[in-house]
PDB file of N, CA and C in Angstrom:
ATOM      1  N   MET A   1      23.944  10.777 -29.449  1.00  0.00           N
ATOM      2  CA  MET A   1      23.316  11.617 -28.374  1.00  0.00           C
ATOM      3  C   MET A   1      23.989  11.462 -27.161  1.00  0.00           C
ATOM      4  N   ASP A   2      24.513  12.597 -26.536  1.00  0.00           N
ATOM      5  CA  ASP A   2      25.143  12.587 -25.278  1.00  0.00           C
ATOM      6  C   ASP A   2      24.130  12.578 -24.199  1.00  0.00           C
ATOM      7  N   LYS A   3      24.011  11.460 -23.425  1.00  0.00           N
ATOM      8  CA  LYS A   3      22.918  11.246 -22.482  1.00  0.00           C
ATOM      9  C   LYS A   3      22.838  12.413 -21.386  1.00  0.00           C
ATOM     10  N   GLU A   4      24.001  12.809 -20.891  1.00  0.00           N
ATOM     11  CA  GLU A   4      23.965  13.833 -19.870  1.00  0.00           C
ATOM     12  C   GLU A   4      23.431  15.175 -20.432  1.00  0.00           C
ATOM     13  N   SER A   5      23.848  15.644 -21.569  1.00  0.00           N
ATOM     14  CA  SER A   5      23.311  16.850 -22.084  1.00  0.00           C
ATOM     15  C   SER A   5      21.924  16.737 -22.497  1.00  0.00           C
ATOM     16  N   PHE A   6      21.561  15.539 -23.061  1.00  0.00           N
ATOM     17  CA  PHE A   6      20.083  15.294 -23.434  1.00  0.00           C
ATOM     18  C   PHE A   6      19.220  15.411 -22.152  1.00  0.00           C
ATOM     19  N   PHE A   7      19.643  14.719 -21.122  1.00  0.00           N
ATOM     20  CA  PHE A   7      18.855  14.786 -19.820  1.00  0.00           C
ATOM     21  C   PHE A   7      18.709  16.229 -19.392  1.00  0.00           C
ATOM     22  N   HIS A   8      19.803  16.948 -19.423  1.00  0.00           N
ATOM     23  CA  HIS A   8      19.727  18.389 -19.058  1.00  0.00           C
ATOM     24  C   HIS A   8      18.654  19.145 -19.843  1.00  0.00           C
ATOM     25  N   ASP A   9      18.693  18.864 -21.172  1.00  0.00           N
ATOM     26  CA  ASP A   9      17.747  19.550 -22.031  1.00  0.00           C
ATOM     27  C   ASP A   9      16.271  19.143 -21.715  1.00  0.00           C
ATOM     28  N   VAL A  10      16.147  17.847 -21.421  1.00  0.00           N
ATOM     29  CA  VAL A  10      14.788  17.408 -21.011  1.00  0.00           C
ATOM     30  C   VAL A  10      14.305  18.112 -19.740  1.00  0.00           C
ATOM     31  N   TYR A  11      15.189  18.250 -18.788  1.00  0.00           N
ATOM     32  CA  TYR A  11      14.879  18.933 -17.562  1.00  0.00           C
ATOM     33  C   TYR A  11      14.524  20.397 -17.791  1.00  0.00           C
ATOM     34  N   GLU A  12      15.248  20.988 -18.687  1.00  0.00           N
ATOM     35  CA  GLU A  12      14.946  22.444 -18.971  1.00  0.00           C
ATOM     36  C   GLU A  12      13.537  22.636 -19.585  1.00  0.00           C
ATOM     37  N   VAL A  13      13.191  21.708 -20.404  1.00  0.00           N
ATOM     38  CA  VAL A  13      11.849  21.793 -21.040  1.00  0.00           C
ATOM     39  C   VAL A  13      10.821  21.507 -19.954  1.00  0.00           C
ATOM     40  N   ALA A  14      11.029  20.434 -19.129  1.00  0.00           N
ATOM     41  CA  ALA A  14      10.068  20.064 -18.049  1.00  0.00           C
ATOM     42  C   ALA A  14       9.876  21.221 -17.125  1.00  0.00           C
ATOM     43  N   ARG A  15      10.865  21.988 -16.796  1.00  0.00           N
ATOM     44  CA  ARG A  15      10.653  23.096 -15.883  1.00  0.00           C
ATOM     45  C   ARG A  15       9.675  24.097 -16.440  1.00  0.00           C
ATOM     46  N   LEU A  16       9.507  24.143 -17.724  1.00  0.00           N
ATOM     47  CA  LEU A  16       8.590  25.151 -18.331  1.00  0.00           C
ATOM     48  C   LEU A  16       7.113  24.719 -18.400  1.00  0.00           C
ATOM     49  N   ILE A  17       6.820  23.489 -18.024  1.00  0.00           N
ATOM     50  CA  ILE A  17       5.425  23.020 -18.093  1.00  0.00           C
ATOM     51  C   ILE A  17       4.598  23.725 -17.024  1.00  0.00           C
ATOM     52  N   PRO A  18       3.566  24.468 -17.454  1.00  0.00           N
ATOM     53  CA  PRO A  18       2.821  25.287 -16.482  1.00  0.00           C
ATOM     54  C   PRO A  18       2.048  24.398 -15.511  1.00  0.00           C
ATOM     55  N   LYS A  19       1.786  24.987 -14.321  1.00  0.00           N
ATOM     56  CA  LYS A  19       0.996  24.247 -13.269  1.00  0.00           C
ATOM     57  C   LYS A  19      -0.369  24.042 -13.938  1.00  0.00           C
ATOM     58  N   GLY A  20      -0.963  22.870 -13.676  1.00  0.00           N
ATOM     59  CA  GLY A  20      -2.233  22.516 -14.189  1.00  0.00           C
ATOM     60  C   GLY A  20      -2.319  22.009 -15.612  1.00  0.00           C
ATOM     61  N   ARG A  21      -1.128  21.831 -16.130  1.00  0.00           N
ATOM     62  CA  ARG A  21      -1.026  21.277 -17.520  1.00  0.00           C
ATOM     63  C   ARG A  21      -0.070  20.046 -17.459  1.00  0.00           C
ATOM     64  N   VAL A  22      -0.185  19.252 -18.475  1.00  0.00           N
ATOM     65  CA  VAL A  22       0.723  18.054 -18.624  1.00  0.00           C
ATOM     66  C   VAL A  22       1.253  18.050 -20.018  1.00  0.00           C
ATOM     67  N   THR A  23       2.334  17.297 -20.159  1.00  0.00           N
ATOM     68  CA  THR A  23       2.827  17.059 -21.576  1.00  0.00           C
ATOM     69  C   THR A  23       3.357  15.621 -21.558  1.00  0.00           C
ATOM     70  N   THR A  24       3.794  15.144 -22.672  1.00  0.00           N
ATOM     71  CA  THR A  24       4.131  13.771 -22.916  1.00  0.00           C
ATOM     72  C   THR A  24       5.614  13.581 -23.026  1.00  0.00           C
ATOM     73  N   TYR A  25       6.070  12.317 -22.870  1.00  0.00           N
ATOM     74  CA  TYR A  25       7.520  12.015 -23.137  1.00  0.00           C
ATOM     75  C   TYR A  25       7.821  12.309 -24.597  1.00  0.00           C
ATOM     76  N   GLY A  26       6.984  11.881 -25.450  1.00  0.00           N
ATOM     77  CA  GLY A  26       7.071  12.074 -26.905  1.00  0.00           C
ATOM     78  C   GLY A  26       7.182  13.500 -27.270  1.00  0.00           C
ATOM     79  N   ALA A  27       6.271  14.349 -26.681  1.00  0.00           N
ATOM     80  CA  ALA A  27       6.224  15.774 -26.995  1.00  0.00           C
ATOM     81  C   ALA A  27       7.567  16.440 -26.697  1.00  0.00           C
ATOM     82  N   ILE A  28       8.182  16.035 -25.550  1.00  0.00           N
ATOM     83  CA  ILE A  28       9.434  16.588 -25.153  1.00  0.00           C
ATOM     84  C   ILE A  28      10.450  16.168 -26.159  1.00  0.00           C
ATOM     85  N   ALA A  29      10.542  14.820 -26.372  1.00  0.00           N
ATOM     86  CA  ALA A  29      11.500  14.361 -27.390  1.00  0.00           C
ATOM     87  C   ALA A  29      11.401  14.953 -28.734  1.00  0.00           C
ATOM     88  N   ASN A  30      10.203  15.163 -29.258  1.00  0.00           N
ATOM     89  CA  ASN A  30       9.965  15.834 -30.499  1.00  0.00           C
ATOM     90  C   ASN A  30      10.491  17.319 -30.508  1.00  0.00           C
ATOM     91  N   TYR A  31      10.191  17.977 -29.429  1.00  0.00           N
ATOM     92  CA  TYR A  31      10.758  19.376 -29.310  1.00  0.00           C
ATOM     93  C   TYR A  31      12.220  19.486 -29.343  1.00  0.00           C
ATOM     94  N   LEU A  32      12.841  18.391 -28.684  1.00  0.00           N
ATOM     95  CA  LEU A  32      14.330  18.401 -28.704  1.00  0.00           C
ATOM     96  C   LEU A  32      14.920  17.846 -29.970  1.00  0.00           C
ATOM     97  N   GLY A  33      14.109  17.571 -30.993  1.00  0.00           N
ATOM     98  CA  GLY A  33      14.600  17.052 -32.260  1.00  0.00           C
ATOM     99  C   GLY A  33      14.928  15.590 -32.365  1.00  0.00           C
ATOM    100  N   VAL A  34      14.596  14.812 -31.388  1.00  0.00           N
ATOM    101  CA  VAL A  34      14.808  13.457 -31.384  1.00  0.00           C
ATOM    102  C   VAL A  34      13.463  12.691 -31.104  1.00  0.00           C
ATOM    103  N   LYS A  35      12.556  12.754 -32.111  1.00  0.00           N
ATOM    104  CA  LYS A  35      11.242  12.214 -31.907  1.00  0.00           C
ATOM    105  C   LYS A  35      11.143  10.779 -31.383  1.00  0.00           C
ATOM    106  N   SER A  36      12.160  10.027 -31.820  1.00  0.00           N
ATOM    107  CA  SER A  36      12.114   8.555 -31.430  1.00  0.00           C
ATOM    108  C   SER A  36      12.673   8.352 -30.012  1.00  0.00           C
ATOM    109  N   ALA A  37      13.004   9.349 -29.220  1.00  0.00           N
ATOM    110  CA  ALA A  37      13.583   9.215 -27.924  1.00  0.00           C
ATOM    111  C   ALA A  37      12.750   9.446 -26.823  1.00  0.00           C
ATOM    112  N   ALA A  38      11.398   9.123 -26.921  1.00  0.00           N
ATOM    113  CA  ALA A  38      10.442   9.216 -25.870  1.00  0.00           C
ATOM    114  C   ALA A  38      10.778   8.381 -24.659  1.00  0.00           C
ATOM    115  N   ARG A  39      11.316   7.179 -24.949  1.00  0.00           N
ATOM    116  CA  ARG A  39      11.715   6.284 -23.742  1.00  0.00           C
ATOM    117  C   ARG A  39      12.915   6.948 -23.053  1.00  0.00           C
ATOM    118  N   VAL A  40      13.792   7.607 -23.679  1.00  0.00           N
ATOM    119  CA  VAL A  40      14.943   8.227 -23.034  1.00  0.00           C
ATOM    120  C   VAL A  40      14.430   9.350 -22.156  1.00  0.00           C
ATOM    121  N   VAL A  41      13.482  10.051 -22.701  1.00  0.00           N
ATOM    122  CA  VAL A  41      12.801  11.242 -21.938  1.00  0.00           C
ATOM    123  C   VAL A  41      12.189  10.509 -20.652  1.00  0.00           C
ATOM    124  N   GLY A  42      11.537   9.451 -20.689  1.00  0.00           N
ATOM    125  CA  GLY A  42      10.987   8.710 -19.645  1.00  0.00           C
ATOM    126  C   GLY A  42      12.066   8.368 -18.602  1.00  0.00           C
ATOM    127  N   TRP A  43      13.194   7.844 -19.084  1.00  0.00           N
ATOM    128  CA  TRP A  43      14.256   7.597 -18.109  1.00  0.00           C
ATOM    129  C   TRP A  43      14.753   8.809 -17.408  1.00  0.00           C
ATOM    130  N   ALA A  44      14.908   9.911 -18.189  1.00  0.00           N
ATOM    131  CA  ALA A  44      15.256  11.138 -17.628  1.00  0.00           C
ATOM    132  C   ALA A  44      14.361  11.593 -16.510  1.00  0.00           C
ATOM    133  N   MET A  45      13.041  11.488 -16.847  1.00  0.00           N
ATOM    134  CA  MET A  45      12.116  11.984 -15.867  1.00  0.00           C
ATOM    135  C   MET A  45      11.985  11.062 -14.589  1.00  0.00           C
ATOM    136  N   ASN A  46      12.263   9.798 -14.816  1.00  0.00           N
ATOM    137  CA  ASN A  46      12.290   8.834 -13.617  1.00  0.00           C
ATOM    138  C   ASN A  46      13.400   9.335 -12.661  1.00  0.00           C
ATOM    139  N   GLY A  47      14.504   9.817 -13.258  1.00  0.00           N
ATOM    140  CA  GLY A  47      15.590  10.232 -12.413  1.00  0.00           C
ATOM    141  C   GLY A  47      15.443  11.684 -11.918  1.00  0.00           C
ATOM    142  N   ALA A  48      14.434  12.406 -12.425  1.00  0.00           N
ATOM    143  CA  ALA A  48      14.239  13.803 -12.058  1.00  0.00           C
ATOM    144  C   ALA A  48      13.341  13.947 -10.851  1.00  0.00           C
ATOM    145  N   ILE A  49      12.721  12.875 -10.465  1.00  0.00           N
ATOM    146  CA  ILE A  49      11.665  12.971  -9.426  1.00  0.00           C
ATOM    147  C   ILE A  49      12.306  13.601  -8.152  1.00  0.00           C
ATOM    148  N   THR A  50      13.531  13.349  -7.821  1.00  0.00           N
ATOM    149  CA  THR A  50      14.171  13.837  -6.616  1.00  0.00           C
ATOM    150  C   THR A  50      14.999  15.158  -6.872  1.00  0.00           C
ATOM    151  N   ILE A  51      14.957  15.631  -8.123  1.00  0.00           N
ATOM    152  CA  ILE A  51      15.708  16.865  -8.359  1.00  0.00           C
ATOM    153  C   ILE A  51      14.750  18.078  -8.176  1.00  0.00           C
ATOM    154  N   TYR A  52      15.112  18.969  -7.342  1.00  0.00           N
ATOM    155  CA  TYR A  52      14.256  20.145  -7.034  1.00  0.00           C
ATOM    156  C   TYR A  52      13.972  20.929  -8.253  1.00  0.00           C
ATOM    157  N   GLY A  53      12.739  21.348  -8.383  1.00  0.00           N
ATOM    158  CA  GLY A  53      12.384  22.233  -9.525  1.00  0.00           C
ATOM    159  C   GLY A  53      11.969  21.587 -10.802  1.00  0.00           C
ATOM    160  N   ILE A  54      11.986  20.259 -10.884  1.00  0.00           N
ATOM    161  CA  ILE A  54      11.581  19.565 -12.100  1.00  0.00           C
ATOM    162  C   ILE A  54      10.316  18.927 -11.796  1.00  0.00           C
ATOM    163  N   PRO A  55       9.168  19.401 -12.427  1.00  0.00           N
ATOM    164  CA  PRO A  55       7.834  18.853 -12.194  1.00  0.00           C
ATOM    165  C   PRO A  55       7.660  17.509 -12.955  1.00  0.00           C
ATOM    166  N   ALA A  56       8.269  16.491 -12.569  1.00  0.00           N
ATOM    167  CA  ALA A  56       8.202  15.187 -13.270  1.00  0.00           C
ATOM    168  C   ALA A  56       6.792  14.664 -13.268  1.00  0.00           C
ATOM    169  N   HIS A  57       5.981  15.062 -12.297  1.00  0.00           N
ATOM    170  CA  HIS A  57       4.607  14.587 -12.232  1.00  0.00           C
ATOM    171  C   HIS A  57       3.722  15.105 -13.380  1.00  0.00           C
ATOM    172  N   ARG A  58       4.222  16.182 -14.072  1.00  0.00           N
ATOM    173  CA  ARG A  58       3.444  16.753 -15.211  1.00  0.00           C
ATOM    174  C   ARG A  58       3.796  16.108 -16.519  1.00  0.00           C
ATOM    175  N   VAL A  59       4.549  15.024 -16.539  1.00  0.00           N
ATOM    176  CA  VAL A  59       4.894  14.312 -17.749  1.00  0.00           C
ATOM    177  C   VAL A  59       4.289  12.924 -17.757  1.00  0.00           C
ATOM    178  N   VAL A  60       3.427  12.729 -18.717  1.00  0.00           N
ATOM    179  CA  VAL A  60       2.665  11.416 -18.833  1.00  0.00           C
ATOM    180  C   VAL A  60       2.915  10.757 -20.143  1.00  0.00           C
ATOM    181  N   ASN A  61       2.270   9.642 -20.360  1.00  0.00           N
ATOM    182  CA  ASN A  61       2.387   8.986 -21.694  1.00  0.00           C
ATOM    183  C   ASN A  61       1.532   9.616 -22.726  1.00  0.00           C
ATOM    184  N   ARG A  62       1.535   9.126 -23.886  1.00  0.00           N
ATOM    185  CA  ARG A  62       0.954   9.752 -25.096  1.00  0.00           C
ATOM    186  C   ARG A  62      -0.586   9.843 -25.012  1.00  0.00           C
ATOM    187  N   ILE A  63      -1.153   9.016 -24.167  1.00  0.00           N
ATOM    188  CA  ILE A  63      -2.645   9.123 -24.002  1.00  0.00           C
ATOM    189  C   ILE A  63      -3.068   9.584 -22.641  1.00  0.00           C
ATOM    190  N   GLY A  64      -2.082  10.084 -21.861  1.00  0.00           N
ATOM    191  CA  GLY A  64      -2.420  10.711 -20.534  1.00  0.00           C
ATOM    192  C   GLY A  64      -2.402   9.757 -19.350  1.00  0.00           C
ATOM    193  N   ILE A  65      -1.747   8.547 -19.520  1.00  0.00           N
ATOM    194  CA  ILE A  65      -1.662   7.681 -18.383  1.00  0.00           C
ATOM    195  C   ILE A  65      -0.384   7.986 -17.550  1.00  0.00           C
ATOM    196  N   LEU A  66      -0.600   7.858 -16.208  1.00  0.00           N
ATOM    197  CA  LEU A  66       0.494   8.167 -15.288  1.00  0.00           C
ATOM    198  C   LEU A  66       1.491   6.949 -15.191  1.00  0.00           C
ATOM    199  N   THR A  67       2.203   6.770 -16.303  1.00  0.00           N
ATOM    200  CA  THR A  67       3.112   5.606 -16.405  1.00  0.00           C
ATOM    201  C   THR A  67       4.320   5.725 -15.473  1.00  0.00           C
ATOM    202  N   GLY A  68       4.611   6.920 -15.031  1.00  0.00           N
ATOM    203  CA  GLY A  68       5.769   7.165 -14.174  1.00  0.00           C
ATOM    204  C   GLY A  68       5.438   7.106 -12.673  1.00  0.00           C
ATOM    205  N   LYS A  69       4.244   6.822 -12.348  1.00  0.00           N
ATOM    206  CA  LYS A  69       3.810   6.835 -10.968  1.00  0.00           C
ATOM    207  C   LYS A  69       4.578   5.962 -10.037  1.00  0.00           C
ATOM    208  N   ASN A  70       5.093   4.823 -10.439  1.00  0.00           N
ATOM    209  CA  ASN A  70       5.781   3.921  -9.608  1.00  0.00           C
ATOM    210  C   ASN A  70       7.268   4.386  -9.278  1.00  0.00           C
ATOM    211  N   HIS A  71       7.668   5.516  -9.825  1.00  0.00           N
ATOM    212  CA  HIS A  71       8.966   6.004  -9.547  1.00  0.00           C
ATOM    213  C   HIS A  71       8.945   7.101  -8.480  1.00  0.00           C
ATOM    214  N   PHE A  72       7.715   7.455  -7.991  1.00  0.00           N
ATOM    215  CA  PHE A  72       7.574   8.414  -6.891  1.00  0.00           C
ATOM    216  C   PHE A  72       7.591   7.636  -5.575  1.00  0.00           C
ATOM    217  N   ALA A  73       7.616   8.347  -4.495  1.00  0.00           N
ATOM    218  CA  ALA A  73       7.729   7.742  -3.142  1.00  0.00           C
ATOM    219  C   ALA A  73       6.650   6.663  -2.957  1.00  0.00           C
ATOM    220  N   THR A  74       5.429   6.963  -3.382  1.00  0.00           N
ATOM    221  CA  THR A  74       4.387   5.976  -3.320  1.00  0.00           C
ATOM    222  C   THR A  74       3.644   6.080  -4.737  1.00  0.00           C
ATOM    223  N   PRO A  75       2.898   5.056  -5.176  1.00  0.00           N
ATOM    224  CA  PRO A  75       2.246   5.167  -6.411  1.00  0.00           C
ATOM    225  C   PRO A  75       1.182   6.221  -6.594  1.00  0.00           C
ATOM    226  N   ILE A  76       0.766   6.777  -5.444  1.00  0.00           N
ATOM    227  CA  ILE A  76      -0.309   7.715  -5.546  1.00  0.00           C
ATOM    228  C   ILE A  76       0.210   9.314  -5.531  1.00  0.00           C
ATOM    229  N   VAL A  77       1.519   9.445  -5.294  1.00  0.00           N
ATOM    230  CA  VAL A  77       2.020  10.745  -5.130  1.00  0.00           C
ATOM    231  C   VAL A  77       1.930  11.574  -6.434  1.00  0.00           C
ATOM    232  N   MET A  78       2.209  10.886  -7.600  1.00  0.00           N
ATOM    233  CA  MET A  78       2.051  11.669  -8.859  1.00  0.00           C
ATOM    234  C   MET A  78       0.573  12.200  -9.033  1.00  0.00           C
ATOM    235  N   GLN A  79      -0.381  11.338  -8.789  1.00  0.00           N
ATOM    236  CA  GLN A  79      -1.798  11.803  -8.941  1.00  0.00           C
ATOM    237  C   GLN A  79      -2.040  12.876  -7.918  1.00  0.00           C
ATOM    238  N   GLU A  80      -1.575  12.712  -6.710  1.00  0.00           N
ATOM    239  CA  GLU A  80      -1.866  13.787  -5.719  1.00  0.00           C
ATOM    240  C   GLU A  80      -1.275  15.145  -6.120  1.00  0.00           C
ATOM    241  N   LEU A  81      -0.057  15.145  -6.653  1.00  0.00           N
ATOM    242  CA  LEU A  81       0.582  16.378  -7.049  1.00  0.00           C
ATOM    243  C   LEU A  81      -0.194  17.006  -8.228  1.00  0.00           C
ATOM    244  N   LEU A  82      -0.654  16.223  -9.141  1.00  0.00           N
ATOM    245  CA  LEU A  82      -1.429  16.723 -10.290  1.00  0.00           C
ATOM    246  C   LEU A  82      -2.771  17.269  -9.820  1.00  0.00           C
ATOM    247  N   GLU A  83      -3.463  16.606  -8.849  1.00  0.00           N
ATOM    248  CA  GLU A  83      -4.695  17.078  -8.396  1.00  0.00           C
ATOM    249  C   GLU A  83      -4.587  18.410  -7.571  1.00  0.00           C
ATOM    250  N   LYS A  84      -3.467  18.569  -6.901  1.00  0.00           N
ATOM    251  CA  LYS A  84      -3.223  19.811  -6.156  1.00  0.00           C
ATOM    252  C   LYS A  84      -3.138  20.973  -7.148  1.00  0.00           C
ATOM    253  N   GLU A  85      -2.863  20.687  -8.429  1.00  0.00           N
ATOM    254  CA  GLU A  85      -2.712  21.718  -9.412  1.00  0.00           C
ATOM    255  C   GLU A  85      -4.057  21.813 -10.261  1.00  0.00           C
ATOM    256  N   GLY A  86      -5.006  21.068  -9.845  1.00  0.00           N
ATOM    257  CA  GLY A  86      -6.324  21.141 -10.510  1.00  0.00           C
ATOM    258  C   GLY A  86      -6.502  20.152 -11.706  1.00  0.00           C
ATOM    259  N   VAL A  87      -5.554  19.340 -11.888  1.00  0.00           N
ATOM    260  CA  VAL A  87      -5.686  18.268 -12.918  1.00  0.00           C
ATOM    261  C   VAL A  87      -6.481  17.067 -12.383  1.00  0.00           C
ATOM    262  N   LYS A  88      -7.485  16.710 -13.130  1.00  0.00           N
ATOM    263  CA  LYS A  88      -8.321  15.581 -12.724  1.00  0.00           C
ATOM    264  C   LYS A  88      -7.825  14.265 -13.228  1.00  0.00           C
ATOM    265  N   VAL A  89      -7.757  13.345 -12.394  1.00  0.00           N
ATOM    266  CA  VAL A  89      -7.198  12.034 -12.780  1.00  0.00           C
ATOM    267  C   VAL A  89      -8.175  10.921 -12.261  1.00  0.00           C
ATOM    268  N   LYS A  90      -8.420   9.930 -13.133  1.00  0.00           N
ATOM    269  CA  LYS A  90      -9.314   8.856 -12.779  1.00  0.00           C
ATOM    270  C   LYS A  90      -8.690   7.598 -13.348  1.00  0.00           C
ATOM    271  N   ASP A  91      -8.562   6.574 -12.508  1.00  0.00           N
ATOM    272  CA  ASP A  91      -7.939   5.282 -12.886  1.00  0.00           C
ATOM    273  C   ASP A  91      -6.599   5.495 -13.582  1.00  0.00           C
ATOM    274  N   ASP A  92      -5.747   6.350 -12.973  1.00  0.00           N
ATOM    275  CA  ASP A  92      -4.387   6.640 -13.456  1.00  0.00           C
ATOM    276  C   ASP A  92      -4.326   7.365 -14.788  1.00  0.00           C
ATOM    277  N   GLN A  93      -5.382   7.925 -15.220  1.00  0.00           N
ATOM    278  CA  GLN A  93      -5.425   8.627 -16.487  1.00  0.00           C
ATOM    279  C   GLN A  93      -5.932  10.071 -16.310  1.00  0.00           C
ATOM    280  N   VAL A  94      -5.237  10.977 -17.000  1.00  0.00           N
ATOM    281  CA  VAL A  94      -5.633  12.296 -16.922  1.00  0.00           C
ATOM    282  C   VAL A  94      -6.893  12.621 -17.663  1.00  0.00           C
ATOM    283  N   LEU A  95      -7.885  13.257 -16.982  1.00  0.00           N
ATOM    284  CA  LEU A  95      -9.132  13.516 -17.659  1.00  0.00           C
ATOM    285  C   LEU A  95      -8.960  14.883 -18.423  1.00  0.00           C
ATOM    286  N   ASN A  96      -9.743  15.010 -19.458  1.00  0.00           N
ATOM    287  CA  ASN A  96      -9.630  16.259 -20.336  1.00  0.00           C
ATOM    288  C   ASN A  96      -8.169  16.377 -20.857  1.00  0.00           C
ATOM    289  N   PHE A  97      -7.548  15.257 -21.136  1.00  0.00           N
ATOM    290  CA  PHE A  97      -6.123  15.340 -21.580  1.00  0.00           C
ATOM    291  C   PHE A  97      -5.880  16.264 -22.696  1.00  0.00           C
ATOM    292  N   ASP A  98      -6.722  16.161 -23.691  1.00  0.00           N
ATOM    293  CA  ASP A  98      -6.560  17.014 -24.941  1.00  0.00           C
ATOM    294  C   ASP A  98      -6.605  18.545 -24.550  1.00  0.00           C
ATOM    295  N   GLN A  99      -7.444  18.871 -23.605  1.00  0.00           N
ATOM    296  CA  GLN A  99      -7.593  20.282 -23.210  1.00  0.00           C
ATOM    297  C   GLN A  99      -6.426  20.913 -22.415  1.00  0.00           C
ATOM    298  N   ILE A 100      -5.770  19.999 -21.655  1.00  0.00           N
ATOM    299  CA  ILE A 100      -4.741  20.550 -20.736  1.00  0.00           C
ATOM    300  C   ILE A 100      -3.329  20.104 -21.271  1.00  0.00           C
ATOM    301  N   LEU A 101      -3.242  19.358 -22.441  1.00  0.00           N
ATOM    302  CA  LEU A 101      -1.995  19.062 -22.914  1.00  0.00           C
ATOM    303  C   LEU A 101      -1.159  20.278 -23.347  1.00  0.00           C
ATOM    304  N   TRP A 102       0.102  20.322 -22.911  1.00  0.00           N
ATOM    305  CA  TRP A 102       1.028  21.364 -23.186  1.00  0.00           C
ATOM    306  C   TRP A 102       2.080  20.802 -24.179  1.00  0.00           C
ATOM    307  N   ASP A 103       2.038  21.307 -25.340  1.00  0.00           N
ATOM    308  CA  ASP A 103       2.912  20.871 -26.434  1.00  0.00           C
ATOM    309  C   ASP A 103       4.068  21.876 -26.583  1.00  0.00           C
ATOM    310  N   PRO A 104       5.297  21.628 -26.177  1.00  0.00           N
ATOM    311  CA  PRO A 104       6.316  22.586 -26.276  1.00  0.00           C
ATOM    312  C   PRO A 104       6.565  23.084 -27.767  1.00  0.00           C
ATOM    313  N   MET A 105       6.259  22.188 -28.807  1.00  0.00           N
ATOM    314  CA  MET A 105       6.406  22.614 -30.098  1.00  0.00           C
ATOM    315  C   MET A 105       5.525  23.779 -30.433  1.00  0.00           C
ATOM    316  N   LYS A 106       4.374  23.856 -29.820  1.00  0.00           N
ATOM    317  CA  LYS A 106       3.354  24.954 -30.059  1.00  0.00           C
ATOM    318  C   LYS A 106       3.544  26.095 -29.093  1.00  0.00           C
ATOM    319  N   GLU A 107       3.976  25.793 -27.883  1.00  0.00           N
ATOM    320  CA  GLU A 107       4.046  26.802 -26.867  1.00  0.00           C
ATOM    321  C   GLU A 107       5.358  27.515 -26.741  1.00  0.00           C
ATOM    322  N   LEU A 108       6.487  26.883 -27.207  1.00  0.00           N
ATOM    323  CA  LEU A 108       7.795  27.542 -27.108  1.00  0.00           C
ATOM    324  C   LEU A 108       8.296  27.820 -28.492  1.00  0.00           C
ATOM    325  N   ARG A 109       9.106  28.872 -28.562  1.00  0.00           N
ATOM    326  CA  ARG A 109       9.732  29.206 -29.820  1.00  0.00           C
ATOM    327  C   ARG A 109      11.091  28.460 -29.891  1.00  0.00           C
ATOM    328  N   LEU A 110      11.284  27.837 -31.062  1.00  0.00           N
ATOM    329  CA  LEU A 110      12.562  27.123 -31.223  1.00  0.00           C
ATOM    330  C   LEU A 110      13.778  28.043 -31.401  1.00  0.00           C
TER     331      LEU A 110
END
């Protein structure tokens, strides 16, 4: 797996996450055909926080926890960005996670 092109692919998928929805590191990895690469997606998203147009705040762990929050300017920025889009968060976990989960395998055509 070429890291640079994989990161580019991760960013392309992340750009498609609709406002008010979230997805997971694993869902992106699965969509890209490398189901076991959820951690690599996490690394990519940690680096994407400062890249314009990539909504890194919309990518959470498999149960809706804001595991990437410490990579933002402050630990509350991720939650604030999600809440601006109508996503409810309590104790660093997305509420109604199953209802707002955006799965690229279901939403995008391969």
